[in-house]
Amino acid sequence: MTKAELIENMAKDSKISKAAAGKALNSFIANVSKTLKKGDKMTLVGFGTFSVGKRKARKGRNPQTGEVIKIKASKVAKFKPGATLKNSL
């Protein structure tokens, strides 16, 4: 499903305009991003938890040349599904 399809479904389910649904989705995405950027986690009971994970620096290999390269440490977004979401699958 694309973002446009999600907006269309949200608008139809909520009986609101696509513009309003688009604003709501963009606000949700912005708030999740802002929360994760601060290093906090966001929990939506029944749906899941968005959090920040850390990856250590490591060595990798360039697939074209086979040369060993250094990969910097980084932060990654993580999602852990909640019980309701897990049970619905």
C-alpha atoms as a PDB file:
ATOM      1  CA  MET A   1       0.000   0.000   0.000  1.00  0.00           C
ATOM      2  CA  THR A   2       1.310   3.423  -0.899  1.00  0.00           C
ATOM      3  CA  LYS A   3       0.986   6.604   1.143  1.00  0.00           C
ATOM      4  CA  ALA A   4      -1.680   7.884  -1.290  1.00  0.00           C
ATOM      5  CA  GLU A   5      -3.688   4.679  -0.895  1.00  0.00           C
ATOM      6  CA  LEU A   6      -3.411   4.913   2.899  1.00  0.00           C
ATOM      7  CA  ILE A   7      -4.654   8.518   2.830  1.00  0.00           C
ATOM      8  CA  GLU A   8      -7.560   7.479   0.613  1.00  0.00           C
ATOM      9  CA  ASN A   9      -8.513   4.634   2.993  1.00  0.00           C
ATOM     10  CA  MET A  10      -8.195   6.885   6.057  1.00  0.00           C
ATOM     11  CA  ALA A  11     -10.437   9.496   4.431  1.00  0.00           C
ATOM     12  CA  LYS A  12     -13.040   6.902   3.462  1.00  0.00           C
ATOM     13  CA  ASP A  13     -13.043   5.161   6.879  1.00  0.00           C
ATOM     14  CA  SER A  14     -13.204   8.441   8.827  1.00  0.00           C
ATOM     15  CA  LYS A  15     -15.574  10.175   6.405  1.00  0.00           C
ATOM     16  CA  ILE A  16     -13.219  13.154   6.081  1.00  0.00           C
ATOM     17  CA  SER A  17     -11.581  14.764   3.061  1.00  0.00           C
ATOM     18  CA  LYS A  18      -8.385  13.379   1.576  1.00  0.00           C
ATOM     19  CA  ALA A  19      -6.691  16.689   2.420  1.00  0.00           C
ATOM     20  CA  ALA A  20      -7.593  16.323   6.101  1.00  0.00           C
ATOM     21  CA  ALA A  21      -6.506  12.679   6.127  1.00  0.00           C
ATOM     22  CA  GLY A  22      -3.206  13.665   4.472  1.00  0.00           C
ATOM     23  CA  LYS A  23      -2.594  16.337   7.120  1.00  0.00           C
ATOM     24  CA  ALA A  24      -3.364  13.838   9.891  1.00  0.00           C
ATOM     25  CA  LEU A  25      -0.974  11.240   8.444  1.00  0.00           C
ATOM     26  CA  ASN A  26       1.785  13.814   7.905  1.00  0.00           C
ATOM     27  CA  SER A  27       1.322  15.010  11.496  1.00  0.00           C
ATOM     28  CA  PHE A  28       1.585  11.427  12.777  1.00  0.00           C
ATOM     29  CA  ILE A  29       4.781  10.808  10.785  1.00  0.00           C
ATOM     30  CA  ALA A  30       6.292  14.117  11.951  1.00  0.00           C
ATOM     31  CA  ASN A  31       5.514  13.361  15.593  1.00  0.00           C
ATOM     32  CA  VAL A  32       6.983   9.857  15.417  1.00  0.00           C
ATOM     33  CA  SER A  33      10.124  11.304  13.784  1.00  0.00           C
ATOM     34  CA  LYS A  34      10.398  14.097  16.365  1.00  0.00           C
ATOM     35  CA  THR A  35      10.000  11.654  19.261  1.00  0.00           C
ATOM     36  CA  LEU A  36      12.623   9.252  17.897  1.00  0.00           C
ATOM     37  CA  LYS A  37      15.014  12.107  17.150  1.00  0.00           C
ATOM     38  CA  LYS A  38      14.910  13.046  20.861  1.00  0.00           C
ATOM     39  CA  GLY A  39      15.815   9.434  21.687  1.00  0.00           C
ATOM     40  CA  ASP A  40      12.421   8.658  23.225  1.00  0.00           C
ATOM     41  CA  LYS A  41      10.052   5.864  22.276  1.00  0.00           C
ATOM     42  CA  MET A  42       6.417   6.064  21.191  1.00  0.00           C
ATOM     43  CA  THR A  43       3.960   3.382  22.258  1.00  0.00           C
ATOM     44  CA  LEU A  44       0.539   2.921  20.685  1.00  0.00           C
ATOM     45  CA  VAL A  45      -1.182   0.320  22.875  1.00  0.00           C
ATOM     46  CA  GLY A  46      -2.322  -2.621  20.778  1.00  0.00           C
ATOM     47  CA  PHE A  47      -0.479  -1.425  17.675  1.00  0.00           C
ATOM     48  CA  GLY A  48       3.174  -1.331  18.690  1.00  0.00           C
ATOM     49  CA  THR A  49       6.195   0.627  19.837  1.00  0.00           C
ATOM     50  CA  PHE A  50       8.543   2.801  17.792  1.00  0.00           C
ATOM     51  CA  SER A  51      12.018   3.136  19.324  1.00  0.00           C
ATOM     52  CA  VAL A  52      15.629   3.972  18.489  1.00  0.00           C
ATOM     53  CA  GLY A  53      18.266   1.262  18.272  1.00  0.00           C
ATOM     54  CA  LYS A  54      22.017   1.613  18.010  1.00  0.00           C
ATOM     55  CA  ARG A  55      24.329  -0.219  15.631  1.00  0.00           C
ATOM     56  CA  LYS A  56      27.988  -0.513  16.500  1.00  0.00           C
ATOM     57  CA  ALA A  57      30.715   0.365  14.051  1.00  0.00           C
ATOM     58  CA  ARG A  58      31.731  -2.683  12.057  1.00  0.00           C
ATOM     59  CA  LYS A  59      33.704  -3.891   9.076  1.00  0.00           C
ATOM     60  CA  GLY A  60      31.974  -4.701   5.817  1.00  0.00           C
ATOM     61  CA  ARG A  61      33.019  -5.722   2.353  1.00  0.00           C
ATOM     62  CA  ASN A  62      32.572  -3.857  -0.921  1.00  0.00           C
ATOM     63  CA  PRO A  63      30.759  -6.421  -3.099  1.00  0.00           C
ATOM     64  CA  GLN A  64      32.305  -5.118  -6.336  1.00  0.00           C
ATOM     65  CA  THR A  65      35.948  -5.073  -5.266  1.00  0.00           C
ATOM     66  CA  GLY A  66      35.968  -7.345  -2.223  1.00  0.00           C
ATOM     67  CA  GLU A  67      37.790  -4.578  -0.342  1.00  0.00           C
ATOM     68  CA  VAL A  68      37.198  -4.362   3.431  1.00  0.00           C
ATOM     69  CA  ILE A  69      35.509  -1.090   4.436  1.00  0.00           C
ATOM     70  CA  LYS A  70      34.631   0.515   7.778  1.00  0.00           C
ATOM     71  CA  ILE A  71      30.940   1.097   8.487  1.00  0.00           C
ATOM     72  CA  LYS A  72      30.245   3.854  11.016  1.00  0.00           C
ATOM     73  CA  ALA A  73      28.090   3.398  14.100  1.00  0.00           C
ATOM     74  CA  SER A  74      24.537   4.570  13.515  1.00  0.00           C
ATOM     75  CA  LYS A  75      21.084   4.917  15.008  1.00  0.00           C
ATOM     76  CA  VAL A  76      18.171   3.022  13.461  1.00  0.00           C
ATOM     77  CA  ALA A  77      14.407   3.210  13.873  1.00  0.00           C
ATOM     78  CA  LYS A  78      12.852   0.042  15.291  1.00  0.00           C
ATOM     79  CA  PHE A  79       9.259  -1.136  15.480  1.00  0.00           C
ATOM     80  CA  LYS A  80       7.942  -3.840  17.791  1.00  0.00           C
ATOM     81  CA  PRO A  81       4.342  -4.871  17.034  1.00  0.00           C
ATOM     82  CA  GLY A  82       1.817  -4.968  19.898  1.00  0.00           C
ATOM     83  CA  ALA A  83      -0.296  -7.961  20.875  1.00  0.00           C
ATOM     84  CA  THR A  84      -3.432  -6.839  19.021  1.00  0.00           C
ATOM     85  CA  LEU A  85      -1.492  -6.333  15.788  1.00  0.00           C
ATOM     86  CA  LYS A  86       0.323  -9.672  16.165  1.00  0.00           C
ATOM     87  CA  ASN A  87      -2.933 -11.528  16.765  1.00  0.00           C
ATOM     88  CA  SER A  88      -4.599  -9.935  13.743  1.00  0.00           C
ATOM     89  CA  LEU A  89      -2.048 -11.454  11.352  1.00  0.00           C
END
